[in-house]
Amino acid sequence: MAGNAAGDSGGRDIDRAAGAPIVVIDKVTKSFGALPVLRGVSLAVRRGESVCIIGPSGSGKSTLLRCINGLAGMSSGSIRVDGIEVNDPGLDKRLLRRKVGIVFQQYNLFPHKTVLENIVMAPVHVLGEERRAVEERARSLLAQVRLTGKETAYPGELSGGQQQRVAIARSLAMNPLVMLFDEVTAALDPETKKEVLATIRALAADGMTCILVTHEMAFAREMADQVYFTDGGLIVEHGPPADLFGAPRNERTRAFLNQVL
């Protein structure tokens, strides 16, 4: 079921460039042993769009994000990011990492490294970029996520929301074309959750292509251009948030929304 990524009635009022989608997922399957997790998922995301993926736990949402970023291999199907085939056995994963950033529920920061060091490590050591230029970019990113002045702090000195914003800045330091967010607010209290959601909202407003797995239904309704409801490894229904939340067509979608809204 391919996503109609060109629809105009979403959660945001933005201008999108016409043309081919930047992320194309075609009939992707994934199994862990005898357990099928993805059962033929297809969707497409255009440059500058924000897509939210919702659904019950165990429906394959996080696995799909990991497949997009090459962290999990597909059993079959195809994923292309900016024309690159993710499943190409000859692909240099460093090229993919430059195009796709991912932020997880757990911050995964190095506790013995300062905030600045956490951000500059990958561009310097993985991509071989010049340290001075990367540090300058890191300071600009910290300002973007409203953490100016925390350069020399260690993760243990920060709140959960601040650590998550450092994790976002760390991913942005690779200059990705697409950002993936996997339940990034699930471990946060309500106040720090708002800080992180505001950061993601600002990124989307600035035109970053975002794909989010989330249980934050109000946030998905507000900022998504397309919302995909998954269950049992399948896309059950998708559409602009006004349609999917306001008038879901599928009975399974209605049952799920009745439980969470």
Protein backbone atom coordinates (compact mmCIF):
# COMPACT_ATOMS: atom_id res chain seq x y z
CA MET A 1 0.00 0.00 0.00
CA ALA A 2 1.93 3.01 -1.22
CA GLY A 3 1.68 6.26 0.64
CA ASN A 4 0.09 9.22 -1.13
CA ALA A 5 2.87 11.52 -0.03
CA ALA A 6 1.80 14.35 -2.29
CA GLY A 7 -1.46 15.06 -0.51
CA ASP A 8 -2.08 18.70 0.43
CA SER A 9 -4.30 18.24 3.48
CA GLY A 10 -1.97 17.35 6.32
CA GLY A 11 -1.12 18.67 9.74
CA ARG A 12 1.22 21.36 8.38
CA ASP A 13 0.86 24.10 5.82
CA ILE A 14 4.10 23.80 3.85
CA ASP A 15 5.23 24.03 0.25
CA ARG A 16 6.73 20.83 -1.14
CA ALA A 17 8.88 20.49 -4.21
CA ALA A 18 7.34 18.31 -6.88
CA GLY A 19 9.20 15.21 -7.95
CA ALA A 20 10.09 11.72 -6.87
CA PRO A 21 9.92 10.80 -3.19
CA ILE A 22 13.18 10.88 -1.24
CA VAL A 23 12.30 7.66 0.64
CA VAL A 24 10.60 4.79 -1.18
CA ILE A 25 9.71 1.61 0.72
CA ASP A 26 8.43 -1.16 -1.55
CA LYS A 27 6.91 -4.44 -0.30
CA VAL A 28 9.36 -4.80 2.57
CA THR A 29 9.20 -7.94 4.68
CA LYS A 30 11.22 -8.78 7.77
CA SER A 31 11.15 -11.86 9.97
CA PHE A 32 12.99 -12.77 13.12
CA GLY A 33 13.31 -16.53 12.77
CA ALA A 34 9.82 -17.86 12.16
CA LEU A 35 8.18 -14.64 13.41
CA PRO A 36 7.11 -12.22 10.64
CA VAL A 37 7.42 -8.60 11.80
CA LEU A 38 6.92 -6.72 8.52
CA ARG A 39 4.63 -8.32 5.96
CA GLY A 40 4.91 -6.30 2.76
CA VAL A 41 5.08 -2.66 3.84
CA SER A 42 5.12 0.05 1.16
CA LEU A 43 5.12 3.81 1.55
CA ALA A 44 6.75 6.88 0.06
CA VAL A 45 7.89 10.13 1.64
CA ARG A 46 8.65 13.32 -0.28
CA ARG A 47 11.39 15.75 0.60
CA GLY A 48 10.28 18.06 3.40
CA GLU A 49 7.36 15.89 4.51
CA SER A 50 6.70 14.68 8.02
CA VAL A 51 5.23 11.20 8.34
CA CYS A 52 4.04 9.69 11.62
CA ILE A 53 3.68 5.94 12.07
CA ILE A 54 1.29 4.87 14.82
CA GLY A 55 -0.03 1.57 16.02
CA PRO A 56 0.07 -0.94 18.88
CA SER A 57 3.33 -2.25 20.31
CA GLY A 58 4.78 -5.08 18.27
CA SER A 59 3.28 -3.93 14.98
CA GLY A 60 6.68 -3.47 13.28
CA LYS A 61 7.03 0.31 13.54
CA SER A 62 10.50 0.45 15.08
CA THR A 63 11.75 -2.40 12.91
CA LEU A 64 10.75 -0.43 9.82
CA LEU A 65 12.81 2.57 10.95
CA ARG A 66 15.81 0.32 11.55
CA CYS A 67 15.43 -1.11 8.05
CA ILE A 68 15.39 2.39 6.55
CA ASN A 69 18.67 3.22 8.30
CA GLY A 70 20.27 -0.12 7.47
CA LEU A 71 20.45 -1.19 11.11
CA ALA A 72 18.24 -4.18 10.37
CA GLY A 73 18.33 -6.15 7.17
CA MET A 74 15.20 -6.80 5.14
CA SER A 75 14.02 -10.31 4.33
CA SER A 76 12.68 -9.08 0.99
CA GLY A 77 11.59 -5.90 -0.73
CA SER A 78 13.36 -2.63 -1.39
CA ILE A 79 14.10 0.63 0.40
CA ARG A 80 15.61 3.54 -1.52
CA VAL A 81 16.81 6.74 0.12
CA ASP A 82 17.67 9.56 -2.27
CA GLY A 83 18.18 6.95 -4.97
CA ILE A 84 20.38 4.66 -2.87
CA GLU A 85 19.27 1.05 -2.46
CA VAL A 86 19.61 0.32 1.27
CA ASN A 87 19.69 -3.46 0.66
CA ASP A 88 22.60 -3.25 -1.80
CA PRO A 89 25.26 -5.61 -0.38
CA GLY A 90 27.98 -3.38 -1.80
CA LEU A 91 26.65 -0.19 -0.18
CA ASP A 92 29.07 1.79 1.97
CA LYS A 93 26.95 2.27 5.09
CA ARG A 94 28.78 5.54 5.80
CA LEU A 95 27.05 7.02 2.75
CA LEU A 96 23.68 5.94 4.12
CA ARG A 97 24.52 7.36 7.58
CA ARG A 98 25.14 10.72 5.95
CA LYS A 99 21.70 10.70 4.43
CA VAL A 100 19.63 9.21 7.28
CA GLY A 101 19.87 10.18 10.95
CA ILE A 102 18.08 8.26 13.67
CA VAL A 103 17.21 9.10 17.27
CA PHE A 104 16.05 6.39 19.66
CA GLN A 105 14.05 6.31 22.87
CA GLN A 106 17.30 5.78 24.76
CA TYR A 107 19.73 8.65 24.31
CA ASN A 108 22.82 6.45 23.79
CA LEU A 109 25.20 9.28 24.69
CA PHE A 110 28.73 8.51 25.85
CA PRO A 111 28.59 9.31 29.59
CA HIS A 112 32.34 10.02 29.83
CA LYS A 113 32.29 12.52 26.95
CA THR A 114 31.10 16.11 27.11
CA VAL A 115 28.08 17.27 25.14
CA LEU A 116 30.34 18.82 22.50
CA GLU A 117 32.42 15.65 22.20
CA ASN A 118 29.30 13.51 21.81
CA ILE A 119 28.24 15.63 18.84
CA VAL A 120 31.57 15.95 17.03
CA MET A 121 32.77 12.34 17.34
CA ALA A 122 30.98 10.80 14.37
CA PRO A 123 31.62 13.56 11.80
CA VAL A 124 35.31 13.67 12.76
CA HIS A 125 36.08 9.98 13.26
CA VAL A 126 33.60 8.36 10.87
CA LEU A 127 33.39 10.94 8.08
CA GLY A 128 36.88 12.37 8.51
CA GLU A 129 35.73 15.99 8.65
CA GLU A 130 37.96 18.76 9.98
CA ARG A 131 37.43 19.15 13.71
CA ARG A 132 37.27 22.93 13.87
CA ALA A 133 34.49 23.10 11.29
CA VAL A 134 32.57 20.31 13.03
CA GLU A 135 32.84 22.04 16.41
CA GLU A 136 31.49 25.22 14.88
CA ARG A 137 28.56 23.29 13.42
CA ALA A 138 28.00 21.54 16.75
CA ARG A 139 27.74 24.83 18.62
CA SER A 140 25.25 26.08 16.05
CA LEU A 141 23.20 22.89 16.46
CA LEU A 142 23.21 23.25 20.24
CA ALA A 143 21.79 26.72 19.80
CA GLN A 144 19.18 25.28 17.45
CA VAL A 145 18.04 22.77 20.09
CA ARG A 146 18.21 25.47 22.79
CA LEU A 147 21.20 24.09 24.69
CA THR A 148 23.72 26.89 24.30
CA GLY A 149 26.08 26.86 27.27
CA LYS A 150 25.93 23.08 27.77
CA GLU A 151 28.96 22.31 25.57
CA THR A 152 31.18 21.23 28.47
CA ALA A 153 28.47 19.44 30.48
CA TYR A 154 28.38 15.67 30.76
CA PRO A 155 25.20 13.68 30.00
CA GLY A 156 24.72 12.80 33.66
CA GLU A 157 24.42 16.51 34.45
CA LEU A 158 21.49 16.97 32.06
CA SER A 159 17.79 16.21 32.30
CA GLY A 160 16.31 13.49 30.12
CA GLY A 161 14.85 16.05 27.74
CA GLN A 162 18.20 17.82 27.44
CA GLN A 163 19.97 14.54 26.74
CA GLN A 164 17.46 13.72 24.04
CA ARG A 165 18.02 17.10 22.42
CA VAL A 166 21.77 16.44 22.46
CA ALA A 167 21.03 13.13 20.71
CA ILE A 168 19.05 15.03 18.07
CA ALA A 169 21.91 17.53 17.61
CA ARG A 170 24.35 14.61 17.30
CA SER A 171 22.30 13.11 14.46
CA LEU A 172 21.94 16.48 12.76
CA ALA A 173 25.72 16.94 12.87
CA MET A 174 25.97 14.35 10.08
CA ASN A 175 23.94 16.69 7.83
CA PRO A 176 21.26 14.09 7.03
CA LEU A 177 18.55 14.47 4.41
CA VAL A 178 16.08 12.43 6.48
CA MET A 179 15.58 12.17 10.25
CA LEU A 180 14.02 9.12 11.90
CA PHE A 181 12.59 9.36 15.42
CA ASP A 182 11.76 6.17 17.29
CA GLU A 183 9.51 6.87 20.30
CA VAL A 184 11.91 9.61 21.41
CA THR A 185 9.59 10.93 24.14
CA ALA A 186 8.51 7.59 25.63
CA ALA A 187 10.89 7.79 28.63
CA LEU A 188 10.36 11.49 29.38
CA ASP A 189 8.16 13.29 31.88
CA PRO A 190 5.53 15.70 30.50
CA GLU A 191 7.64 18.86 30.88
CA THR A 192 10.77 17.53 29.19
CA LYS A 193 8.62 15.80 26.58
CA LYS A 194 7.36 19.20 25.46
CA GLU A 195 10.94 20.42 24.99
CA VAL A 196 11.79 17.53 22.68
CA LEU A 197 8.55 17.77 20.70
CA ALA A 198 9.15 21.49 20.22
CA THR A 199 12.59 20.70 18.80
CA ILE A 200 11.18 18.17 16.34
CA ARG A 201 8.38 20.56 15.40
CA ALA A 202 10.95 23.26 14.59
CA LEU A 203 13.00 20.84 12.46
CA ALA A 204 9.91 19.88 10.47
CA ALA A 205 8.93 23.53 10.04
CA ASP A 206 12.40 24.21 8.65
CA GLY A 207 11.85 21.57 5.97
CA MET A 208 13.64 18.52 7.37
CA THR A 209 12.14 15.28 6.10
CA CYS A 210 10.98 13.44 9.23
CA ILE A 211 9.63 9.94 9.83
CA LEU A 212 8.40 9.41 13.38
CA VAL A 213 7.21 6.38 15.28
CA THR A 214 5.13 7.85 18.07
CA HIS A 215 2.35 7.32 20.58
CA GLU A 216 1.86 11.10 20.85
CA MET A 217 -1.43 11.30 18.95
CA ALA A 218 -1.99 15.03 19.46
CA PHE A 219 1.50 15.72 18.14
CA ALA A 220 0.95 13.46 15.12
CA ARG A 221 -2.34 15.20 14.38
CA GLU A 222 -0.67 18.60 14.56
CA MET A 223 2.60 18.17 12.67
CA ALA A 224 2.27 15.21 10.29
CA ASP A 225 1.51 15.47 6.60
CA GLN A 226 0.64 11.77 6.47
CA VAL A 227 -0.16 9.33 9.26
CA TYR A 228 0.24 5.57 8.82
CA PHE A 229 -1.54 3.13 11.14
CA THR A 230 0.19 -0.24 11.35
CA ASP A 231 -0.92 -3.50 12.91
CA GLY A 232 0.49 -6.99 12.62
CA GLY A 233 3.30 -5.88 10.33
CA LEU A 234 0.94 -4.30 7.80
CA ILE A 235 -0.15 -0.76 6.95
CA VAL A 236 -3.83 -0.95 7.73
CA GLU A 237 -4.71 2.62 6.77
CA HIS A 238 -3.02 5.92 5.99
CA GLY A 239 -3.94 9.46 5.09
CA PRO A 240 -3.72 13.08 6.19
CA PRO A 241 -4.19 13.41 9.95
CA ALA A 242 -7.53 15.17 9.60
CA ASP A 243 -8.87 12.13 7.74
CA LEU A 244 -7.23 9.34 9.69
CA PHE A 245 -8.03 10.77 13.11
CA GLY A 246 -11.32 12.39 12.17
CA ALA A 247 -12.89 9.72 9.98
CA PRO A 248 -10.90 6.47 9.95
CA ARG A 249 -12.19 4.01 7.37
CA ASN A 250 -10.89 0.77 8.85
CA GLU A 251 -12.53 -0.83 11.88
CA ARG A 252 -9.13 -1.79 13.34
CA THR A 253 -8.00 1.85 13.10
CA ARG A 254 -11.17 3.02 14.81
CA ALA A 255 -10.73 0.50 17.62
CA PHE A 256 -7.13 1.56 18.20
CA LEU A 257 -7.94 5.29 18.22
CA ASN A 258 -10.84 4.71 20.59
CA GLN A 259 -8.38 3.22 23.05
CA VAL A 260 -5.69 5.90 22.83
CA LEU A 261 -7.61 9.14 22.27
